[in-house]
């Protein structure tokens, strides 16, 4: 990624985190005030304030701090300082346990509400996608064994209607995590509708850090037979060394006529270290030269790569035929956004559970670098993808904060529910021990996530 790309991703990341932290903390803030608690400070970020304003009858401090990785709401509390007698009724610790539960739970709840709102706006405006038309099927593969065929149109997966590849991928992953089979209703080229059952019990979906369920199932999305065009040549790669340039149209490789991008990528991947004769169209002239893909190893697999980004100039009639827009009315849009938020939340919980039991690889954990990378990508594409990205991250923050880990909202809620059954608060010593455990757990979690980020950068 170039310098401007890094800056763009960083800015998109700061905007994303700023929005989501503000929403989370506003949940605590708003409910605290409704419950009669005095709020001393509302801070987006940690560390030294770079902007501060006092407002309201309580002269609450509204702060934007220098470290944008979180935030907090500071409330009047006897455990954190002396409280004047006339304000004791407004101290957080003096409120009933159910009011404290409501205040603490409000932060994650607002994250989920934001995701519902984001999805609702997207479904009302219309979510663009590509028709789920099946391309080449790998043999052998679970999809081939199930009888999925070239140019089958996917209509539903386990009873869930599928309008686009985006929803197909998400639904396949969620259902495969929960069940051992995918019941896929397809419409063939003969217009007949059939049900195919794909056995996914043998797939280790979450053991790799690069989850590609379509690849594991042996399914590819249909692409028109149009030779790819080089959009960008990466520095210090095999393509640059061979003489490839942007706007070169790929015609043939090692005597094989290239008819689409999948064929082009497949030949490159299958021939690491082998010098092949490449023929391209540059302007009005055909040029031939040798190309030797370099080797790269990942998850025990060695494949070739040359360092290019390709594009396909799809004719307008094919583009119109393959483009779908998922749009809903006010009521259906709300129901769909609730369903999407719930499904994403459940998938997140299932993956976390498999991480704990060892059924999923810790390489699936992502940290701030990966999040910033995808923030930049989605922001470049447009408002709709960026809004969808914010919804996913907001759900993740909501789920993470509800985990029963001291230092997180879920840890505090855990103590409060103990208080409900016990009839009295947990001891201060218990809270101190819990905080130390929580700090250690969060440090380990963040260390693994950042380590994974750095590995992805160098691989």
Protein backbone atom coordinates (compact mmCIF):
# COMPACT_ATOMS: atom_id res chain seq x y z
CA UNK A 1 0.00 0.00 0.00
CA UNK A 2 1.35 3.45 -0.93
CA UNK A 3 1.76 6.34 1.51
CA UNK A 4 -1.51 8.01 0.50
CA UNK A 5 -3.28 4.69 0.89
CA UNK A 6 -1.92 4.33 4.43
CA UNK A 7 -3.02 7.87 5.30
CA UNK A 8 -6.49 7.25 3.83
CA UNK A 9 -6.88 4.02 5.79
CA UNK A 10 -5.71 5.70 8.98
CA UNK A 11 -8.20 8.54 8.56
CA UNK A 12 -11.03 6.10 7.77
CA UNK A 13 -10.07 4.07 10.85
CA UNK A 14 -10.10 7.15 13.10
CA UNK A 15 -13.51 8.17 11.75
CA UNK A 16 -14.88 4.64 12.24
CA UNK A 17 -13.56 4.26 15.78
CA UNK A 18 -14.59 7.81 16.66
CA UNK A 19 -18.17 7.22 15.50
CA UNK A 20 -18.55 3.83 17.20
CA UNK A 21 -16.92 4.88 20.48
CA UNK A 22 -19.09 7.99 20.61
CA UNK A 23 -22.22 5.89 20.08
CA UNK A 24 -21.16 3.38 22.74
CA UNK A 25 -20.31 5.99 25.34
CA UNK A 26 -23.40 8.03 24.51
CA UNK A 27 -25.44 4.98 25.48
CA UNK A 28 -23.88 5.01 28.97
CA UNK A 29 -24.19 8.82 29.14
CA UNK A 30 -27.83 9.05 28.05
CA UNK A 31 -29.12 6.27 30.30
CA UNK A 32 -27.04 7.49 33.27
CA UNK A 33 -28.69 10.91 33.07
CA UNK A 34 -32.13 9.31 32.69
CA UNK A 35 -31.40 7.31 35.85
CA UNK A 36 -30.52 10.45 37.79
CA UNK A 37 -26.72 9.97 37.86
CA UNK A 38 -24.50 13.03 37.58
CA UNK A 39 -22.08 12.73 34.66
CA UNK A 40 -18.74 14.47 35.23
CA UNK A 41 -17.03 13.76 31.90
CA UNK A 42 -17.86 12.34 28.45
CA UNK A 43 -14.59 11.51 26.72
CA UNK A 44 -13.94 10.16 23.22
CA UNK A 45 -10.39 8.85 23.43
CA UNK A 46 -7.93 8.56 26.29
CA UNK A 47 -5.01 10.64 27.48
CA UNK A 48 -4.48 14.37 27.21
CA UNK A 49 -7.53 16.34 26.01
CA UNK A 50 -7.09 18.09 22.66
CA UNK A 51 -10.55 19.65 22.90
CA UNK A 52 -12.63 20.29 26.03
CA UNK A 53 -15.91 22.03 26.64
CA UNK A 54 -18.06 22.33 29.77
CA UNK A 55 -21.81 22.54 29.29
CA UNK A 56 -25.14 21.88 30.95
CA UNK A 57 -26.39 22.49 34.47
CA UNK A 58 -23.81 20.02 35.84
CA UNK A 59 -20.99 21.58 33.79
CA UNK A 60 -20.22 18.18 32.30
CA UNK A 61 -16.87 18.04 30.53
CA UNK A 62 -17.08 16.97 26.88
CA UNK A 63 -13.65 15.85 25.74
CA UNK A 64 -11.86 14.67 22.62
CA UNK A 65 -8.61 13.11 23.81
CA UNK A 66 -5.32 12.41 22.06
CA UNK A 67 -5.47 8.58 22.00
CA UNK A 68 -8.48 7.63 19.81
CA UNK A 69 -8.71 3.96 20.84
CA UNK A 70 -11.72 4.04 23.12
CA UNK A 71 -13.48 6.40 25.48
CA UNK A 72 -15.25 6.62 28.80
CA UNK A 73 -18.04 8.28 30.78
CA UNK A 74 -17.01 9.40 34.26
CA UNK A 75 -19.89 9.53 36.72
CA UNK A 76 -20.21 10.79 40.26
CA UNK A 77 -19.19 7.87 42.48
CA UNK A 78 -18.15 7.63 46.14
CA UNK A 79 -15.58 4.97 45.26
CA UNK A 80 -13.67 7.47 43.13
CA UNK A 81 -13.73 10.52 45.37
CA UNK A 82 -15.58 12.41 48.04
CA UNK A 83 -19.18 13.27 47.21
CA UNK A 84 -20.94 16.20 48.87
CA UNK A 85 -23.93 15.27 51.01
CA UNK A 86 -26.47 17.10 48.85
CA UNK A 87 -25.35 15.10 45.78
CA UNK A 88 -25.20 11.63 47.31
CA UNK A 89 -28.52 10.69 45.68
CA UNK A 90 -26.90 11.34 42.27
CA UNK A 91 -23.89 9.05 42.82
CA UNK A 92 -23.69 5.97 40.62
CA UNK A 93 -22.90 3.65 43.52
CA UNK A 94 -26.02 4.81 45.40
CA UNK A 95 -28.36 3.71 42.60
CA UNK A 96 -30.19 0.39 42.71
CA UNK A 97 -28.48 -2.57 41.11
CA UNK A 98 -31.04 -2.65 38.28
CA UNK A 99 -30.35 1.00 37.44
CA UNK A 100 -26.62 0.30 37.41
CA UNK A 101 -27.24 -2.69 35.13
CA UNK A 102 -29.23 -0.50 32.76
CA UNK A 103 -26.48 2.14 32.64
CA UNK A 104 -23.69 -0.36 31.97
CA UNK A 105 -25.68 -2.40 29.43
CA UNK A 106 -26.63 0.74 27.50
CA UNK A 107 -23.22 1.06 25.82
CA UNK A 108 -23.31 -2.32 24.03
CA UNK A 109 -27.05 -1.89 23.43
CA UNK A 110 -26.40 1.35 21.52
CA UNK A 111 -23.80 -0.47 19.40
CA UNK A 112 -26.45 -3.00 18.37
CA UNK A 113 -29.01 -0.23 17.78
CA UNK A 114 -26.53 1.56 15.53
CA UNK A 115 -26.03 -1.62 13.49
CA UNK A 116 -29.79 -2.04 13.11
CA UNK A 117 -30.11 1.59 11.98
CA UNK A 118 -27.18 1.27 9.55
CA UNK A 119 -28.61 -1.88 7.97
CA UNK A 120 -32.07 -0.30 7.88
CA UNK A 121 -30.79 2.72 5.94
CA UNK A 122 -28.89 0.42 3.58
CA UNK A 123 -31.90 -1.81 2.89
CA UNK A 124 -34.17 1.20 2.39
CA UNK A 125 -31.74 2.82 -0.05
CA UNK A 126 -30.93 -0.48 -1.77
CA UNK A 127 -27.92 -2.74 -1.36
CA UNK A 128 -26.16 -3.46 -4.62
CA UNK A 129 -24.73 -6.87 -5.39
CA UNK A 130 -23.97 -9.53 -7.98
CA UNK A 131 -26.45 -12.25 -8.93
CA UNK A 132 -25.37 -15.56 -7.27
CA UNK A 133 -24.64 -17.42 -10.49
CA UNK A 134 -22.25 -20.36 -10.07
CA UNK A 135 -19.09 -20.53 -12.18
CA UNK A 136 -16.56 -23.35 -12.39
CA UNK A 137 -16.91 -26.23 -9.90
CA UNK A 138 -13.75 -27.88 -8.57
CA UNK A 139 -13.50 -31.65 -8.89
CA UNK A 140 -13.28 -33.19 -6.35
CA UNK A 141 -15.11 -30.89 -3.93
CA UNK A 142 -18.20 -30.92 -1.66
CA UNK A 143 -20.13 -28.86 -4.23
CA UNK A 144 -19.23 -31.26 -7.06
CA UNK A 145 -20.32 -34.25 -4.95
CA UNK A 146 -23.63 -32.51 -4.21
CA UNK A 147 -24.30 -32.01 -7.93
CA UNK A 148 -23.97 -28.23 -8.13
CA UNK A 149 -23.48 -27.34 -11.79
CA UNK A 150 -21.98 -24.55 -13.90
CA UNK A 151 -24.35 -21.56 -14.23
CA UNK A 152 -26.70 -22.75 -11.50
CA UNK A 153 -28.47 -19.77 -9.94
CA UNK A 154 -28.58 -19.99 -6.11
CA UNK A 155 -32.11 -19.21 -4.88
CA UNK A 156 -31.90 -20.11 -1.19
CA UNK A 157 -29.62 -21.66 1.42
CA UNK A 158 -31.24 -23.60 4.28
CA UNK A 159 -34.50 -21.80 3.51
CA UNK A 160 -32.96 -18.31 3.49
CA UNK A 161 -33.61 -16.38 0.28
CA UNK A 162 -30.38 -15.41 -1.50
CA UNK A 163 -30.46 -12.36 -3.81
CA UNK A 164 -26.69 -11.78 -4.14
CA UNK A 165 -23.25 -13.34 -3.70
CA UNK A 166 -22.63 -11.14 -0.65
CA UNK A 167 -25.58 -12.67 1.17
CA UNK A 168 -24.72 -16.13 -0.18
CA UNK A 169 -21.21 -16.00 1.33
CA UNK A 170 -22.44 -14.72 4.68
CA UNK A 171 -25.29 -17.25 4.88
CA UNK A 172 -23.08 -20.17 3.86
CA UNK A 173 -20.54 -19.29 6.55
CA UNK A 174 -23.13 -18.83 9.28
CA UNK A 175 -25.01 -22.01 8.41
CA UNK A 176 -21.80 -24.05 8.00
CA UNK A 177 -20.65 -22.99 11.47
CA UNK A 178 -23.96 -24.18 12.96
CA UNK A 179 -24.84 -27.23 10.85
CA UNK A 180 -23.25 -30.15 8.98
CA UNK A 181 -25.04 -29.55 5.70
CA UNK A 182 -26.19 -26.79 3.38
CA UNK A 183 -29.49 -27.33 1.58
CA UNK A 184 -29.13 -25.17 -1.50
CA UNK A 185 -32.02 -24.53 -3.85
CA UNK A 186 -30.75 -23.74 -7.36
CA UNK A 187 -32.21 -23.00 -10.76
CA UNK A 188 -30.31 -24.60 -13.62
CA UNK A 189 -29.83 -23.36 -17.17
CA UNK A 190 -32.87 -25.47 -18.10
CA UNK A 191 -34.88 -23.29 -15.64
CA UNK A 192 -35.67 -26.33 -13.47
CA UNK A 193 -35.46 -25.75 -9.70
CA UNK A 194 -33.60 -28.40 -7.69
CA UNK A 195 -32.41 -28.89 -4.13
CA UNK A 196 -28.78 -29.86 -3.56
CA UNK A 197 -27.33 -30.94 -0.21
CA UNK A 198 -23.68 -30.08 0.45
CA UNK A 199 -21.98 -31.96 3.27
CA UNK A 200 -19.77 -29.51 5.21
CA UNK A 201 -19.02 -31.74 8.20
CA UNK A 202 -15.49 -32.43 6.98
CA UNK A 203 -14.53 -28.79 6.50
CA UNK A 204 -12.32 -27.08 9.10
CA UNK A 205 -13.80 -23.67 8.39
CA UNK A 206 -12.10 -21.62 11.06
CA UNK A 207 -8.72 -23.35 11.22
CA UNK A 208 -7.20 -20.96 8.67
CA UNK A 209 -6.75 -17.20 9.01
CA UNK A 210 -7.94 -16.80 5.42
CA UNK A 211 -11.54 -18.03 5.52
CA UNK A 212 -12.75 -18.68 1.97
CA UNK A 213 -15.78 -20.93 2.22
CA UNK A 214 -16.56 -20.82 -1.51
CA UNK A 215 -13.06 -22.11 -2.25
CA UNK A 216 -13.41 -24.84 0.40
CA UNK A 217 -16.75 -25.89 -1.08
CA UNK A 218 -15.31 -25.86 -4.59
CA UNK A 219 -17.62 -23.11 -5.83
CA UNK A 220 -16.63 -20.05 -7.81
CA UNK A 221 -18.78 -17.14 -8.91
CA UNK A 222 -19.54 -16.92 -12.60
CA UNK A 223 -17.40 -14.54 -14.63
CA UNK A 224 -17.90 -13.58 -18.26
CA UNK A 225 -15.24 -14.90 -20.63
CA UNK A 226 -13.40 -11.60 -21.06
CA UNK A 227 -9.57 -11.47 -20.94
CA UNK A 228 -8.29 -9.46 -17.97
CA UNK A 229 -6.52 -6.13 -18.22
CA UNK A 230 -3.62 -5.13 -15.97
CA UNK A 231 -4.83 -2.28 -13.75
CA UNK A 232 -1.69 -1.88 -11.64
CA UNK A 233 1.81 -3.36 -11.51
CA UNK A 234 3.23 -3.61 -8.00
CA UNK A 235 6.83 -2.48 -7.34
CA UNK A 236 9.57 -5.12 -7.03
CA UNK A 237 7.34 -7.91 -8.35
CA UNK A 238 7.77 -10.53 -11.04
CA UNK A 239 5.37 -8.67 -13.34
CA UNK A 240 7.43 -5.47 -13.23
CA UNK A 241 10.62 -7.46 -13.74
CA UNK A 242 9.13 -9.16 -16.82
CA UNK A 243 7.98 -5.87 -18.36
CA UNK A 244 4.22 -5.89 -17.77
CA UNK A 245 2.58 -2.46 -17.78
CA UNK A 246 -0.77 -1.04 -16.74
CA UNK A 247 -3.45 -1.35 -19.46
CA UNK A 248 -1.82 -4.47 -20.97
CA UNK A 249 -4.56 -6.88 -22.06
CA UNK A 250 -3.69 -10.53 -21.36
CA UNK A 251 -4.06 -12.71 -24.45
CA UNK A 252 -2.18 -15.95 -23.80
CA UNK A 253 0.15 -17.59 -21.26
CA UNK A 254 2.42 -20.49 -22.15
CA UNK A 255 0.45 -21.16 -25.32
CA UNK A 256 -2.93 -21.18 -23.54
CA UNK A 257 -5.43 -18.54 -24.68
CA UNK A 258 -6.66 -16.55 -21.69
CA UNK A 259 -10.44 -16.13 -21.78
CA UNK A 260 -11.11 -14.85 -18.25
CA UNK A 261 -9.47 -13.66 -15.04
CA UNK A 262 -10.00 -16.93 -13.15
CA UNK A 263 -8.05 -18.86 -15.77
CA UNK A 264 -5.27 -16.23 -15.68
CA UNK A 265 -5.01 -16.31 -11.88
CA UNK A 266 -5.17 -20.11 -11.82
CA UNK A 267 -2.26 -20.50 -14.26
CA UNK A 268 -0.14 -18.04 -12.28
CA UNK A 269 -0.89 -19.79 -8.98
CA UNK A 270 -0.21 -23.26 -10.41
CA UNK A 271 3.21 -22.43 -11.83
CA UNK A 272 5.49 -20.91 -9.16
CA UNK A 273 9.08 -20.56 -10.39
CA UNK A 274 8.29 -21.63 -13.95
CA UNK A 275 9.19 -19.30 -16.83
CA UNK A 276 6.26 -19.00 -19.24
CA UNK A 277 5.72 -17.10 -22.48
CA UNK A 278 3.21 -14.29 -21.99
CA UNK A 279 1.44 -12.57 -24.87
CA UNK A 280 -0.31 -9.24 -24.27
CA UNK A 281 -2.01 -6.55 -26.31
CA UNK A 282 -0.39 -3.17 -25.64
CA UNK A 283 -2.11 -0.43 -27.59
CA UNK A 284 -2.45 -1.83 -31.09
CA UNK A 285 0.54 -4.18 -30.85
CA UNK A 286 0.89 -7.72 -29.55
CA UNK A 287 4.01 -8.26 -27.39
CA UNK A 288 5.56 -11.47 -26.07
CA UNK A 289 8.01 -11.90 -23.19
CA UNK A 290 8.94 -14.35 -20.47
CA UNK A 291 7.17 -14.28 -17.08
CA UNK A 292 8.35 -16.24 -14.02
CA UNK A 293 5.89 -16.22 -11.07
CA UNK A 294 7.56 -16.06 -7.67
CA UNK A 295 6.75 -18.59 -4.97
CA UNK A 296 4.72 -17.87 -1.89
CA UNK A 297 3.75 -20.29 0.87
CA UNK A 298 0.65 -19.98 3.02
CA UNK A 299 -1.05 -22.57 5.23
CA UNK A 300 1.24 -25.27 3.84
CA UNK A 301 0.37 -24.43 0.23
CA UNK A 302 2.92 -23.06 -2.25
CA UNK A 303 1.62 -21.02 -5.15
CA UNK A 304 2.80 -18.48 -7.68
CA UNK A 305 2.23 -14.74 -7.67
CA UNK A 306 3.48 -11.90 -9.86
CA UNK A 307 2.37 -8.69 -8.16
CA UNK A 308 -0.40 -7.22 -10.30
CA UNK A 309 -3.95 -6.02 -9.88
CA UNK A 310 -6.24 -6.90 -12.76
CA UNK A 311 -9.62 -5.69 -13.91
CA UNK A 312 -12.26 -6.90 -16.32
CA UNK A 313 -14.08 -4.53 -18.66
CA UNK A 314 -17.53 -6.08 -18.52
CA UNK A 315 -19.93 -5.06 -21.31
CA UNK A 316 -22.86 -2.96 -20.13
CA UNK A 317 -25.49 -5.54 -21.08
CA UNK A 318 -23.79 -8.26 -18.99
CA UNK A 319 -23.25 -5.84 -16.12
CA UNK A 320 -26.94 -4.92 -16.08
CA UNK A 321 -27.98 -8.57 -16.25
CA UNK A 322 -25.73 -9.59 -13.34
CA UNK A 323 -26.37 -6.60 -11.05
CA UNK A 324 -29.04 -6.94 -8.38
CA UNK A 325 -30.31 -4.46 -5.80
CA UNK A 326 -31.76 -5.69 -2.52
CA UNK A 327 -34.26 -3.04 -1.46
CA UNK A 328 -37.03 -3.25 1.15
CA UNK A 329 -39.92 -1.09 2.30
CA UNK A 330 -40.10 0.48 5.79
CA UNK A 331 -41.50 -2.59 7.58
CA UNK A 332 -39.61 -5.29 5.68
CA UNK A 333 -36.45 -3.16 5.88
CA UNK A 334 -36.71 -3.08 9.66
CA UNK A 335 -37.31 -6.81 9.88
CA UNK A 336 -34.39 -7.51 7.54
CA UNK A 337 -32.06 -5.21 9.51
CA UNK A 338 -33.05 -6.90 12.79
CA UNK A 339 -32.44 -10.31 11.21
CA UNK A 340 -29.07 -9.24 9.77
CA UNK A 341 -27.94 -7.81 13.12
CA UNK A 342 -29.01 -10.94 14.98
CA UNK A 343 -27.35 -13.30 12.50
CA UNK A 344 -24.10 -11.33 12.59
CA UNK A 345 -24.18 -11.24 16.40
CA UNK A 346 -24.80 -15.00 16.62
CA UNK A 347 -22.03 -15.75 14.11
CA UNK A 348 -19.62 -13.59 16.13
CA UNK A 349 -20.53 -15.43 19.33
CA UNK A 350 -20.14 -18.82 17.65
CA UNK A 351 -16.70 -17.92 16.33
CA UNK A 352 -15.62 -16.65 19.75
CA UNK A 353 -16.87 -19.88 21.31
CA UNK A 354 -14.85 -21.94 18.84
CA UNK A 355 -11.77 -19.84 19.59
CA UNK A 356 -12.13 -20.71 23.27
CA UNK A 357 -12.61 -24.45 22.58
CA UNK A 358 -9.76 -24.57 20.06
CA UNK A 359 -12.04 -25.36 17.09
CA UNK A 360 -11.01 -22.07 15.46
CA UNK A 361 -7.52 -20.73 14.85
CA UNK A 362 -6.34 -17.71 16.84
CA UNK A 363 -5.14 -16.39 13.48
CA UNK A 364 -8.77 -15.34 12.90
CA UNK A 365 -8.33 -12.56 15.47
CA UNK A 366 -7.76 -9.18 13.87
CA UNK A 367 -6.39 -6.02 15.44
CA UNK A 368 -6.34 -2.30 14.62
CA UNK A 369 -4.10 -2.64 11.56
CA UNK A 370 -6.46 -5.05 9.78
CA UNK A 371 -9.48 -3.00 10.83
CA UNK A 372 -7.83 0.16 9.47
CA UNK A 373 -7.04 -1.65 6.21
CA UNK A 374 -10.67 -2.64 5.65
CA UNK A 375 -11.90 0.76 6.81
CA UNK A 376 -9.83 2.31 4.03
CA UNK A 377 -11.01 -0.21 1.42
CA UNK A 378 -14.72 0.21 2.19
CA UNK A 379 -14.45 4.00 2.46
CA UNK A 380 -12.89 4.12 -1.01
CA UNK A 381 -15.69 2.02 -2.51
CA UNK A 382 -18.47 4.23 -1.19
CA UNK A 383 -20.83 5.14 1.62
CA UNK A 384 -22.86 1.91 1.50
CA UNK A 385 -19.89 -0.47 2.01
CA UNK A 386 -18.42 1.81 4.70
CA UNK A 387 -21.76 1.88 6.52
CA UNK A 388 -21.91 -1.92 6.34
CA UNK A 389 -18.35 -2.08 7.69
CA UNK A 390 -19.32 0.21 10.59
CA UNK A 391 -22.31 -2.02 11.36
CA UNK A 392 -20.14 -5.16 11.54
CA UNK A 393 -17.52 -3.48 13.76
CA UNK A 394 -20.27 -2.01 15.96
CA UNK A 395 -21.74 -5.48 16.49
CA UNK A 396 -18.27 -6.83 17.28
CA UNK A 397 -17.74 -4.08 19.85
CA UNK A 398 -21.13 -4.80 21.38
CA UNK A 399 -20.41 -8.52 21.68
CA UNK A 400 -16.88 -7.98 22.97
CA UNK A 401 -18.03 -5.55 25.65
CA UNK A 402 -20.67 -7.98 26.89
CA UNK A 403 -18.16 -10.75 27.55
CA UNK A 404 -17.93 -11.50 31.31
CA UNK A 405 -14.39 -10.17 31.52
CA UNK A 406 -13.47 -7.70 34.28
CA UNK A 407 -12.66 -4.22 32.87
CA UNK A 408 -15.34 -4.68 30.20
CA UNK A 409 -19.03 -3.84 30.55
CA UNK A 410 -19.80 -7.55 30.69
CA UNK A 411 -17.52 -7.94 33.70
CA UNK A 412 -19.37 -5.21 35.58
CA UNK A 413 -22.70 -6.77 34.63
CA UNK A 414 -21.43 -10.11 35.90
CA UNK A 415 -20.70 -8.53 39.30
CA UNK A 416 -24.10 -6.84 39.39
CA UNK A 417 -25.96 -10.07 38.67
CA UNK A 418 -23.99 -11.72 41.48
CA UNK A 419 -25.19 -8.83 43.64
CA UNK A 420 -28.79 -9.50 42.59
CA UNK A 421 -28.61 -13.12 43.79
CA UNK A 422 -26.26 -12.48 46.72
CA UNK A 423 -28.15 -9.49 48.05
CA UNK A 424 -25.00 -7.37 48.49
CA UNK A 425 -22.20 -6.05 46.26
CA UNK A 426 -19.08 -8.13 45.68
CA UNK A 427 -16.15 -7.13 47.87
CA UNK A 428 -13.69 -4.46 46.82
CA UNK A 429 -10.89 -7.05 47.00
CA UNK A 430 -12.76 -9.26 44.52
CA UNK A 431 -13.13 -6.33 42.13
CA UNK A 432 -9.39 -5.53 42.36
CA UNK A 433 -8.44 -9.14 41.61
CA UNK A 434 -10.93 -9.19 38.77
CA UNK A 435 -9.47 -6.00 37.29
CA UNK A 436 -5.99 -7.50 37.29
CA UNK A 437 -7.26 -10.64 35.57
CA UNK A 438 -9.19 -8.52 33.07
CA UNK A 439 -6.17 -6.38 32.23
CA UNK A 440 -4.07 -9.50 31.66
CA UNK A 441 -6.71 -11.12 29.44
CA UNK A 442 -7.19 -7.98 27.36
CA UNK A 443 -3.43 -7.52 27.02
CA UNK A 444 -3.05 -11.11 25.76
CA UNK A 445 -5.98 -10.71 23.38
CA UNK A 446 -4.65 -7.47 21.91
CA UNK A 447 -1.13 -8.88 21.66
CA UNK A 448 -2.37 -11.85 19.62
CA UNK A 449 -4.51 -9.61 17.40
CA UNK A 450 -1.66 -7.18 16.69
CA UNK A 451 0.76 -10.07 16.11
CA UNK A 452 -1.68 -11.48 13.53
CA UNK A 453 -1.90 -8.04 11.89
CA UNK A 454 1.87 -7.82 11.58
CA UNK A 455 2.08 -11.35 10.16
CA UNK A 456 -0.45 -10.42 7.47
CA UNK A 457 1.66 -7.41 6.54
CA UNK A 458 4.84 -9.44 5.95
CA UNK A 459 3.25 -12.50 4.32
